[in-house]
Each structure stands twice: as C-alpha cells, then as structure tokens.
Protein backbone atom coordinates (compact mmCIF):
# COMPACT_ATOMS: atom_id res chain seq x y z
CA MET A 1 50.33 107.84 115.25
CA PRO A 2 53.64 109.37 114.06
CA SER A 3 53.83 113.18 113.94
CA PHE A 4 56.61 115.32 112.48
CA THR A 5 57.36 118.65 110.80
CA ILE A 6 58.59 119.27 107.26
CA SER A 7 59.60 122.29 105.17
CA GLN A 8 56.85 123.35 102.78
CA LYS A 9 59.01 124.53 99.84
CA PRO A 10 60.93 121.31 99.10
CA LEU A 11 57.79 119.24 99.68
CA ALA A 12 55.82 121.44 97.27
CA LYS A 13 58.66 121.34 94.73
CA HIS A 14 58.88 117.56 94.62
CA LEU A 15 55.13 117.05 94.66
CA SER A 16 54.88 119.42 91.70
CA THR A 17 57.23 117.08 89.84
CA CYS A 18 55.18 114.08 90.94
CA SER A 19 52.08 115.76 89.54
CA GLN A 20 53.80 116.05 86.15
CA ILE A 21 54.33 112.29 86.17
CA SER A 22 51.11 111.03 87.76
CA GLN A 23 48.23 110.37 85.40
CA LYS A 24 44.70 111.35 86.40
CA LYS A 25 43.24 108.88 83.90
CA SER A 26 45.04 105.59 83.33
CA ASP A 27 44.36 101.88 83.03
CA VAL A 28 46.93 101.50 85.83
CA GLU A 29 45.24 102.99 88.87
CA PHE A 30 48.29 103.56 91.02
CA PHE A 31 49.79 105.86 88.36
CA ALA A 32 47.46 108.51 89.89
CA TYR A 33 49.08 108.10 93.32
CA THR A 34 52.21 109.32 95.05
CA LYS A 35 54.00 106.79 97.20
CA LEU A 36 55.30 108.15 100.52
CA SER A 37 57.82 106.39 102.75
CA LEU A 38 58.34 107.74 106.25
CA SER A 39 61.66 106.95 107.93
CA LYS A 40 63.36 108.34 111.02
CA ASP A 41 64.95 111.29 109.23
CA SER A 42 63.13 111.80 105.92
CA LEU A 43 59.93 111.54 103.94
CA ARG A 44 60.45 109.93 100.54
CA VAL A 45 57.99 110.82 97.76
CA ALA A 46 57.75 108.81 94.54
CA ALA A 47 55.63 108.85 91.39
CA MET A 48 55.63 106.82 88.20
CA ASN A 49 54.00 106.12 84.85
CA ASN A 50 54.82 103.82 81.94
CA ASN A 51 57.95 105.75 80.97
CA THR A 52 59.07 107.58 84.11
CA PHE A 53 59.90 106.90 87.77
CA TYR A 54 60.87 109.65 90.20
CA HIS A 55 61.70 109.75 93.87
CA ALA A 56 63.16 112.28 96.28
CA HIS A 57 64.08 112.34 99.96
CA ILE A 58 62.92 115.35 102.01
CA PRO A 59 64.37 115.86 105.51
CA ILE A 60 61.91 115.90 108.45
CA ASP A 61 62.17 117.16 112.03
CA ASN A 62 60.53 116.50 115.40
CA LEU A 63 59.44 112.91 114.70
CA ASP A 64 57.74 111.77 117.90
CA GLU A 65 58.19 108.00 117.41
CA ASN A 66 61.14 105.69 116.86
CA LEU A 67 60.74 103.87 113.56
CA ASP A 68 62.58 100.60 113.11
CA SER A 69 61.65 100.46 109.44
CA PRO A 70 60.03 102.84 106.92
CA ILE A 71 56.24 103.13 106.76
CA ASP A 72 54.93 103.10 103.18
CA PHE A 73 51.60 104.52 102.09
CA ALA A 74 49.96 106.08 99.02
CA ILE A 75 47.83 109.20 98.49
CA LYS A 76 46.30 110.56 95.31
CA THR A 77 48.85 112.95 93.82
CA GLU A 78 46.32 115.59 92.79
CA LEU A 79 44.95 115.90 96.33
CA LEU A 80 48.31 115.84 98.09
CA ASN A 81 49.90 118.38 95.75
CA GLY A 82 46.89 120.66 96.04
CA ALA A 83 46.84 120.54 99.83
CA VAL A 84 50.54 121.33 100.22
CA ASN A 85 50.35 124.27 97.82
CA LEU A 86 47.43 125.77 99.74
CA LEU A 87 49.45 125.79 102.97
CA LEU A 88 52.02 128.56 102.61
CA ASP A 89 53.75 128.27 105.99
CA GLU A 90 57.50 127.76 105.96
CA THR A 91 57.07 124.62 108.08
CA LEU A 92 54.12 122.23 108.08
CA GLY A 93 52.97 119.89 110.81
CA VAL A 94 52.09 116.33 109.79
CA ASP A 95 50.07 113.69 111.64
CA PHE A 96 49.94 110.18 110.24
CA ASP A 97 47.23 107.92 111.70
CA ILE A 98 47.68 104.33 110.58
CA SER A 99 44.55 103.08 112.33
CA LYS A 100 42.30 105.60 110.55
CA ASN A 101 44.28 105.62 107.28
CA THR A 102 44.64 109.41 107.36
CA PHE A 103 47.46 111.83 106.62
CA THR A 104 46.92 115.32 108.06
CA LEU A 105 48.78 118.45 106.97
CA GLN A 106 48.58 121.42 109.35
CA GLY A 107 49.48 125.06 108.66
CA SER A 108 48.77 128.24 110.62
CA LYS A 109 45.66 129.02 108.59
CA GLY A 110 44.61 125.71 107.15
CA LYS A 111 44.39 121.97 107.73
CA HIS A 112 43.85 119.10 105.32
CA THR A 113 43.15 115.49 106.22
CA LEU A 114 43.72 113.14 103.28
CA ARG A 115 42.75 109.50 102.95
CA ILE A 116 45.45 106.87 102.59
CA ASP A 117 44.68 103.95 100.30
CA PRO A 118 46.07 100.87 102.09
CA GLU A 119 45.55 98.58 99.09
CA MET A 120 47.20 100.84 96.53
CA ILE A 121 50.63 100.60 98.12
CA LYS A 122 50.66 96.86 97.41
CA GLU A 123 50.61 97.65 93.67
CA TYR A 124 53.43 100.15 93.80
CA LYS A 125 56.81 98.79 92.73
CA ASP A 126 59.96 100.89 92.54
CA VAL A 127 61.83 100.80 89.24
CA VAL A 128 65.38 99.54 89.63
CA ALA A 129 68.11 98.62 87.20
CA ILE A 130 68.46 94.87 86.67
CA SER A 131 71.35 95.06 84.20
CA LYS A 132 74.87 96.38 84.37
CA PRO A 133 75.22 99.89 82.94
CA GLN A 134 76.31 100.34 79.34
CA ALA A 135 77.79 103.60 80.55
CA LYS A 136 78.01 105.29 83.94
CA ILE A 137 79.21 108.87 84.09
CA LEU A 138 79.50 111.94 86.28
CA LEU A 139 78.82 115.38 84.84
CA SER A 140 77.72 118.87 85.81
CA SER A 141 73.96 119.03 86.45
CA GLU A 142 73.98 122.68 85.35
CA ALA A 143 75.77 121.87 82.08
CA LEU A 144 73.25 119.11 81.34
CA SER A 145 70.37 121.49 82.08
CA MET A 146 71.74 124.07 79.62
CA ALA A 147 72.22 121.36 76.98
CA LEU A 148 68.68 120.07 77.40
CA THR A 149 67.27 123.59 77.15
CA ALA A 150 69.05 124.06 73.81
CA ALA A 151 67.96 120.63 72.58
CA THR A 152 64.30 121.19 73.40
CA ILE A 153 63.97 123.99 70.84
CA ALA A 154 65.07 121.74 67.96
CA VAL A 155 63.25 118.50 68.73
CA GLY A 156 60.39 117.49 66.41
CA GLN A 157 56.76 118.19 67.32
CA PRO A 158 54.16 115.37 67.10
CA LYS A 159 51.76 117.44 64.99
CA SER A 160 54.31 117.98 62.22
CA THR A 161 56.84 115.16 62.63
CA TYR A 162 55.96 111.64 61.54
CA ASP A 163 59.28 109.87 62.02
CA ALA A 164 59.45 108.82 65.68
CA LYS A 165 63.20 109.28 66.06
CA PHE A 166 62.87 113.02 65.44
CA LEU A 167 60.53 113.27 68.44
CA ASN A 168 63.40 112.35 70.76
CA VAL A 169 66.47 114.04 72.17
CA CYS A 170 69.59 111.97 71.58
CA LEU A 171 72.26 111.53 74.25
CA THR A 172 75.41 110.22 72.59
CA VAL A 173 78.09 108.68 74.82
CA LYS A 174 81.70 109.42 73.82
CA PRO A 175 83.94 107.69 76.39
CA ASP A 176 87.01 107.92 74.13
CA ILE A 177 86.99 111.72 74.40
CA ALA A 178 85.30 111.91 77.85
CA GLN A 179 82.24 113.75 76.58
CA LEU A 180 78.47 113.42 76.24
CA PHE A 181 76.70 114.91 73.19
CA VAL A 182 73.12 116.20 73.59
CA VAL A 183 71.48 116.47 70.17
CA ALA A 184 68.03 117.16 68.75
CA THR A 185 66.73 117.72 65.24
CA ASP A 186 63.39 118.14 63.51
CA ARG A 187 65.12 117.82 60.08
CA TYR A 188 65.11 121.61 59.58
CA ARG A 189 67.52 122.45 62.38
CA ILE A 190 69.99 120.70 64.66
CA SER A 191 71.02 121.59 68.19
CA LYS A 192 74.22 119.99 69.46
CA THR A 193 75.83 120.61 72.85
CA VAL A 194 78.95 118.90 74.17
CA ILE A 195 79.38 118.21 77.91
CA ASP A 196 82.56 117.08 79.62
CA ALA A 197 81.91 113.74 81.34
CA ASN A 198 83.80 111.51 83.73
CA TYR A 199 83.19 107.89 82.64
CA GLN A 200 83.20 105.52 85.61
CA GLU A 201 81.97 102.39 83.84
CA ILE A 202 81.73 101.35 80.19
CA GLY A 203 79.68 98.35 79.07
CA GLU A 204 80.37 95.99 76.20
CA LYS A 205 77.92 97.57 73.74
CA VAL A 206 79.35 101.04 74.26
CA GLU A 207 82.91 99.78 74.17
CA ASN A 208 82.47 97.98 70.83
CA GLY A 209 80.46 100.87 69.36
CA SER A 210 77.20 98.99 68.83
CA LYS A 211 75.33 101.28 71.24
CA GLN A 212 76.16 104.99 71.50
CA ASN A 213 72.85 106.82 71.11
CA PHE A 214 70.14 106.85 73.78
CA LEU A 215 66.85 108.47 72.73
CA PHE A 216 64.60 110.17 75.29
CA LEU A 217 61.25 111.92 74.89
CA PRO A 218 61.30 115.65 75.75
CA LYS A 219 58.60 115.36 78.42
CA GLY A 220 60.78 113.21 80.65
CA LEU A 221 63.80 115.41 79.98
CA GLN A 222 61.84 118.47 81.10
CA ILE A 223 61.67 116.87 84.53
CA LEU A 224 65.38 116.11 84.36
CA ASN A 225 66.01 119.74 83.46
CA GLN A 226 64.41 120.79 86.76
CA MET A 227 66.84 118.65 88.77
CA LYS A 228 69.90 120.85 88.34
CA GLU A 229 71.75 121.67 91.54
CA ASN A 230 74.23 124.52 91.72
CA GLY A 231 77.74 123.14 91.68
CA GLU A 232 76.64 119.51 92.10
CA GLU A 233 77.57 116.64 89.86
CA MET A 234 74.91 114.34 88.48
CA GLN A 235 75.39 110.61 88.11
CA VAL A 236 74.01 109.30 84.83
CA SER A 237 73.85 105.62 83.93
CA PHE A 238 72.42 103.94 80.85
CA HIS A 239 71.08 100.41 81.33
CA ASP A 240 68.99 98.09 79.18
CA GLU A 241 65.81 100.08 78.38
CA ILE A 242 66.31 102.81 81.01
CA GLY A 243 68.49 105.76 81.91
CA ILE A 244 68.99 106.67 85.58
CA PHE A 245 69.80 110.23 86.69
CA VAL A 246 70.76 110.96 90.31
CA VAL A 247 71.61 114.30 91.98
CA GLY A 248 71.05 115.85 95.41
CA GLY A 249 68.97 113.01 96.85
CA VAL A 250 66.70 112.89 93.80
CA THR A 251 66.48 110.00 91.32
CA LEU A 252 64.80 110.02 87.91
CA VAL A 253 64.44 106.89 85.78
CA LEU A 254 63.44 107.28 82.13
CA LYS A 255 62.77 104.67 79.50
CA TYR A 256 64.63 105.37 76.29
CA GLY A 257 63.36 104.70 72.79
CA GLU A 258 64.49 102.10 70.33
CA GLY A 259 65.76 102.74 66.81
CA ASP A 260 68.62 104.52 65.14
CA TYR A 261 69.27 108.24 65.16
CA PRO A 262 70.35 110.15 62.03
CA GLU A 263 74.09 110.47 61.51
CA TYR A 264 73.94 114.13 62.37
CA GLU A 265 77.69 114.71 62.11
CA ARG A 266 77.46 114.11 58.37
CA ILE A 267 74.78 116.78 58.02
CA ILE A 268 76.70 119.56 59.79
CA PRO A 269 78.92 121.44 57.27
CA GLN A 270 82.63 121.40 57.97
CA SER A 271 83.59 124.40 55.81
CA PHE A 272 81.95 127.72 54.94
CA THR A 273 82.34 130.50 52.39
CA CYS A 274 81.14 133.22 54.80
CA LYS A 275 81.61 133.93 58.47
CA PHE A 276 80.71 136.91 60.64
CA GLU A 277 79.95 137.96 64.20
CA THR A 278 77.03 139.87 65.67
CA GLU A 279 75.58 140.86 69.03
CA ALA A 280 73.04 138.25 70.13
CA LYS A 281 70.72 140.76 71.83
CA GLU A 282 70.87 143.10 68.83
CA LEU A 283 70.01 140.27 66.43
CA LEU A 284 67.14 139.14 68.63
CA ALA A 285 65.83 142.72 68.87
CA GLY A 286 66.04 143.05 65.08
CA LEU A 287 64.14 139.82 64.56
CA ARG A 288 61.43 141.01 66.94
CA GLN A 289 61.06 144.16 64.84
CA VAL A 290 60.45 142.24 61.63
CA TYR A 291 58.39 139.56 63.36
CA LEU A 292 55.47 142.00 63.25
CA SER A 293 55.19 141.14 59.55
CA ALA A 294 56.83 137.71 59.55
CA ARG A 295 54.23 136.23 61.87
CA SER A 296 51.55 136.85 59.24
CA ASN A 297 53.22 134.25 57.03
CA LEU A 298 51.61 131.38 58.87
CA ALA A 299 53.38 128.61 56.97
CA ASN A 300 56.98 129.46 57.86
CA LYS A 301 57.26 132.97 59.44
CA THR A 302 59.65 134.04 56.68
CA VAL A 303 62.32 136.64 57.41
CA ASN A 304 64.95 137.65 54.83
CA ALA A 305 68.51 138.21 55.99
CA GLU A 306 70.57 140.31 53.57
CA ILE A 307 74.31 140.38 54.29
CA LEU A 308 76.15 143.48 52.99
CA PRO A 309 79.89 142.95 53.61
CA LYS A 310 81.05 146.22 52.02
CA GLU A 311 78.69 148.23 54.21
CA ASN A 312 79.26 146.12 57.35
CA LYS A 313 75.59 145.63 58.00
CA ILE A 314 72.78 143.09 58.03
CA ILE A 315 69.30 143.99 56.86
CA LEU A 316 66.43 141.90 58.17
CA SER A 317 63.09 142.22 56.44
CA ALA A 318 59.69 140.57 56.27
CA GLU A 319 56.70 141.28 54.06
CA THR A 320 53.13 140.09 54.12
CA GLU A 321 51.12 139.02 51.10
CA ASP A 322 49.00 142.17 51.31
CA GLY A 323 52.00 144.52 51.24
CA ASN A 324 52.91 145.24 54.87
CA LYS A 325 56.67 145.30 55.44
CA SER A 326 59.01 145.46 58.44
CA GLU A 327 62.76 146.07 58.33
CA SER A 328 65.68 146.26 60.77
CA THR A 329 69.38 147.05 60.26
CA LEU A 330 72.18 145.50 62.36
CA ALA A 331 75.95 145.84 62.58
CA LEU A 332 78.05 143.20 60.80
CA LYS A 333 81.32 142.46 62.62
CA ASN A 334 84.55 140.72 61.56
CA TYR A 335 83.17 139.47 58.25
CA GLU A 336 85.22 136.89 56.33
CA GLY A 337 84.34 135.37 52.96
CA ILE A 338 82.85 136.32 49.62
CA GLU A 339 82.71 140.09 49.09
CA ASP A 340 79.42 140.26 47.21
CA SER A 341 76.23 140.79 49.16
CA TRP A 342 73.91 137.81 49.57
CA LYS A 343 70.45 137.13 50.88
CA GLN A 344 68.74 134.14 52.42
CA ALA A 345 65.31 133.50 53.91
CA PHE A 346 64.81 131.80 57.28
CA ASN A 347 61.96 130.87 59.58
CA ALA A 348 62.04 133.70 62.13
CA ASP A 349 60.93 131.38 64.94
CA TYR A 350 63.91 129.08 64.34
CA LEU A 351 66.39 131.93 64.75
CA MET A 352 64.63 133.47 67.75
CA ASP A 353 64.33 130.11 69.51
CA TYR A 354 68.10 129.75 69.61
CA LEU A 355 68.83 133.35 70.54
CA ASN A 356 66.46 133.03 73.50
CA VAL A 357 68.54 130.20 75.00
CA LEU A 358 71.99 131.46 73.99
CA GLN A 359 74.21 132.09 77.02
CA THR A 360 76.75 134.48 75.43
CA GLU A 361 76.53 138.13 74.35
CA GLU A 362 78.02 137.51 70.89
CA LEU A 363 77.53 134.76 68.35
CA VAL A 364 79.30 133.53 65.26
CA TRP A 365 77.28 132.94 62.07
CA GLU A 366 78.82 130.67 59.45
CA ALA A 367 77.17 130.17 56.08
CA ASN A 368 77.29 128.80 52.58
CA PRO A 369 74.64 131.04 50.96
CA GLY A 370 71.62 129.06 49.89
CA LYS A 371 72.43 126.22 52.28
CA PRO A 372 71.99 125.70 56.05
CA SER A 373 73.80 128.12 58.35
CA VAL A 374 75.51 127.28 61.63
CA LEU A 375 75.22 129.59 64.65
CA SER A 376 77.38 129.18 67.75
CA PRO A 377 78.39 131.10 70.89
CA MET A 378 81.48 133.24 70.40
CA GLY A 379 84.57 131.06 70.86
CA GLN A 380 82.54 128.02 71.94
CA LYS A 381 81.60 126.21 68.75
CA GLU A 382 83.30 123.05 69.97
CA LYS A 383 80.83 123.06 72.89
CA GLN A 384 77.62 124.15 71.17
CA LEU A 385 76.25 124.79 67.70
CA TYR A 386 72.88 125.29 66.07
CA LEU A 387 72.29 124.45 62.43
CA VAL A 388 69.31 126.13 60.79
CA SER A 389 68.08 125.49 57.26
CA GLY A 390 67.21 128.35 54.96
CA LEU A 391 63.91 128.67 53.12
CA LYS A 392 63.59 128.49 49.36
C-alpha cells in the first residue's frame, strides 16, 4: 500500500485543468476519468476527450515503497478534483491501497477515500504523435499566452457564425522569417499577433507551402493559455491531425481542424489617409462613459467616433432610440492625414474588447474613413494589430 505526500496547489491546479477536459456525460465512459500514474518521484495526472489530451507530472515526497515501474489507475475526475479542492493544507497525505482499490487523500481537517476503477484504466490510451512534425518550434510561453488572449476576442461565436473556419484560431507557421502568426477573425474584426519562433524542424508540407495554417478551437487554446511559465520556452510541434504543446513538465495535445483559412493579409489595409495616437486607458474610460447608452442598442452597441483634427480631440457619443444620449471627449495626439473632421460608427464592444487586452499605455489608430480601422500598440504594429470594421 504505497503512501506519499504531495503539494496541494499544483495538484489542484492540474486537476482543475483535467476537469475542463473530462466530460461528465459521454458515450466514451473513460472521458469522465482522470488517469493517475504513480512513479518513484512523481504523480502523473492525465485527462482526455475527443479533441484534447493533457498530462502533467507533479513531484511527490516521502514515498514509503520502492517502485520498479509506474502504477496506473483511474478515478472519476469530478470526485478527485472536488476532494483535493476541499483539502486546503499546503501538503496532503496520500494512501493508495491496491487490494481495496482505494485512493485516500488526508488533510489536517478532512479525509476523502475515493474508489479506483480497475477496469477503466484498460480503456485509457495516451495520445502520441505517429507522424513526423510538419513544424517543430521553440517560443516564449508568455508571448504565446498574450497572443492567444488577443485572438480569443476576435474569434467567431457559434450562435452568430455559421462558417466553421471562423470558429477557430489560426496558427500560421512562417519558418522563412522565424515567426509564428496567431490570427482570429469573425469577419467583422481581425486580431493578428506575431511571435518570434525558433524552428527546429520543418516538414515537407510546410517547406513547399502546401500547409501553413493550423486551426484550433478556442476551448482547447484556453487550456493552452493557462500553461504559460515565466521565462520558460514552450515546444510546439504540428503533426498530422494534432498539435503538441510542451512546457514545464506539462503536455497538451489538441486536434486541429481541416479546411482553409481566409487570406487575412489581403484584408488588412496597407495604407491609410488618417493616423493618430491616443491614451489606451483614456479611450477605454471614454467608451465606458458612452456605453451607458450604447448598450441599449442591442443589435450592435453603436458608438460614434468623431475625429476633430483642428481641435485635437475625439468625441465619442451614443444615443438610444428613445432619446437618451451619452458623450465623452478625449485628447487627439500626433494626428496625420486629412484636415477635415470625420465621423464613423463602431460596435462599442469590439473596441473595448481590444483595449481590455492591450499591453501598452498608448495606441495608434489608423483609418480610411468609412472603412475598417486598424489599432495597434504604440511602436509595435509589426508585432500586433487589430482590425475593426465600422458600422453603416
């Protein structure tokens, strides 16, 4: 009966991720279980569903038996996650009784004995790559996390998007310039972030240009976004049907979607008739002022942005159908372009979504009045931009 101790926080963290993957109701019964593998120095937890496989190694201490090989077993994810989160001690004691098929978690004020399903482990198969990678790269896990956060705001929503490709985030490999593009669009806006990447392997399809875009659903990428480690590089590899992401002893495998992605580079304007700068926090505060009225326009949360170059100011306004009106005035900085004032309507949510994830204090706004505008962090447009369509 092996016994050992384990830190509660990392165990709770990884089981929380497993609970996001495990399915309470599924035709595949073991999708509701977490697989645990006990070895001499770690406890490995793993969970999977049709599109996702996740596993992480958690260090253990004070193991009272010598193990020649790992012991594998399975427990229902919902029960295991719940038990660990109820025990708030820094360190938990664990007793594993093979003869009774029990797994006991002990804290200072609580104890939970959970049943192990000996048959379920026979059904559990780890997901592994069976093909050579089309691309294998190293990149900053923090940079990828920031890129995914920006992409998530622009990806299509199932209730309003009927073309499947717009429901995905696109990762575009660019080995010739040592970069990875992270892109999302719902047809009304585009988020594009560029990450520096060290390409270690390049497959035939990537090399000849027949495969550059890999499409992933946001739900799986939300888990990936949680895997960032300060200062650590992440290994990313794209194989046939799956992408594999590895950092800090954690592995995530995601199936990617089939189909083509829009040629987004053709949609992004390359020249503009107007350009100005503004404080990101000030713009966000101004939008919140007018949102009081804009939110009443249920269809598109319309806010009007009036640019007054000669007065060096921006006036934001929103009006409801029954006559309520909100207005806010902001400073216009370093304006370049046509001298006449101009006005354009936008969906307030679209602008606020980007400002809430922007990492810089100032932003650059480039526009061709009446057409989509491009917002970007000050001095960093080559790394990130956000295209937002105006409203008619």
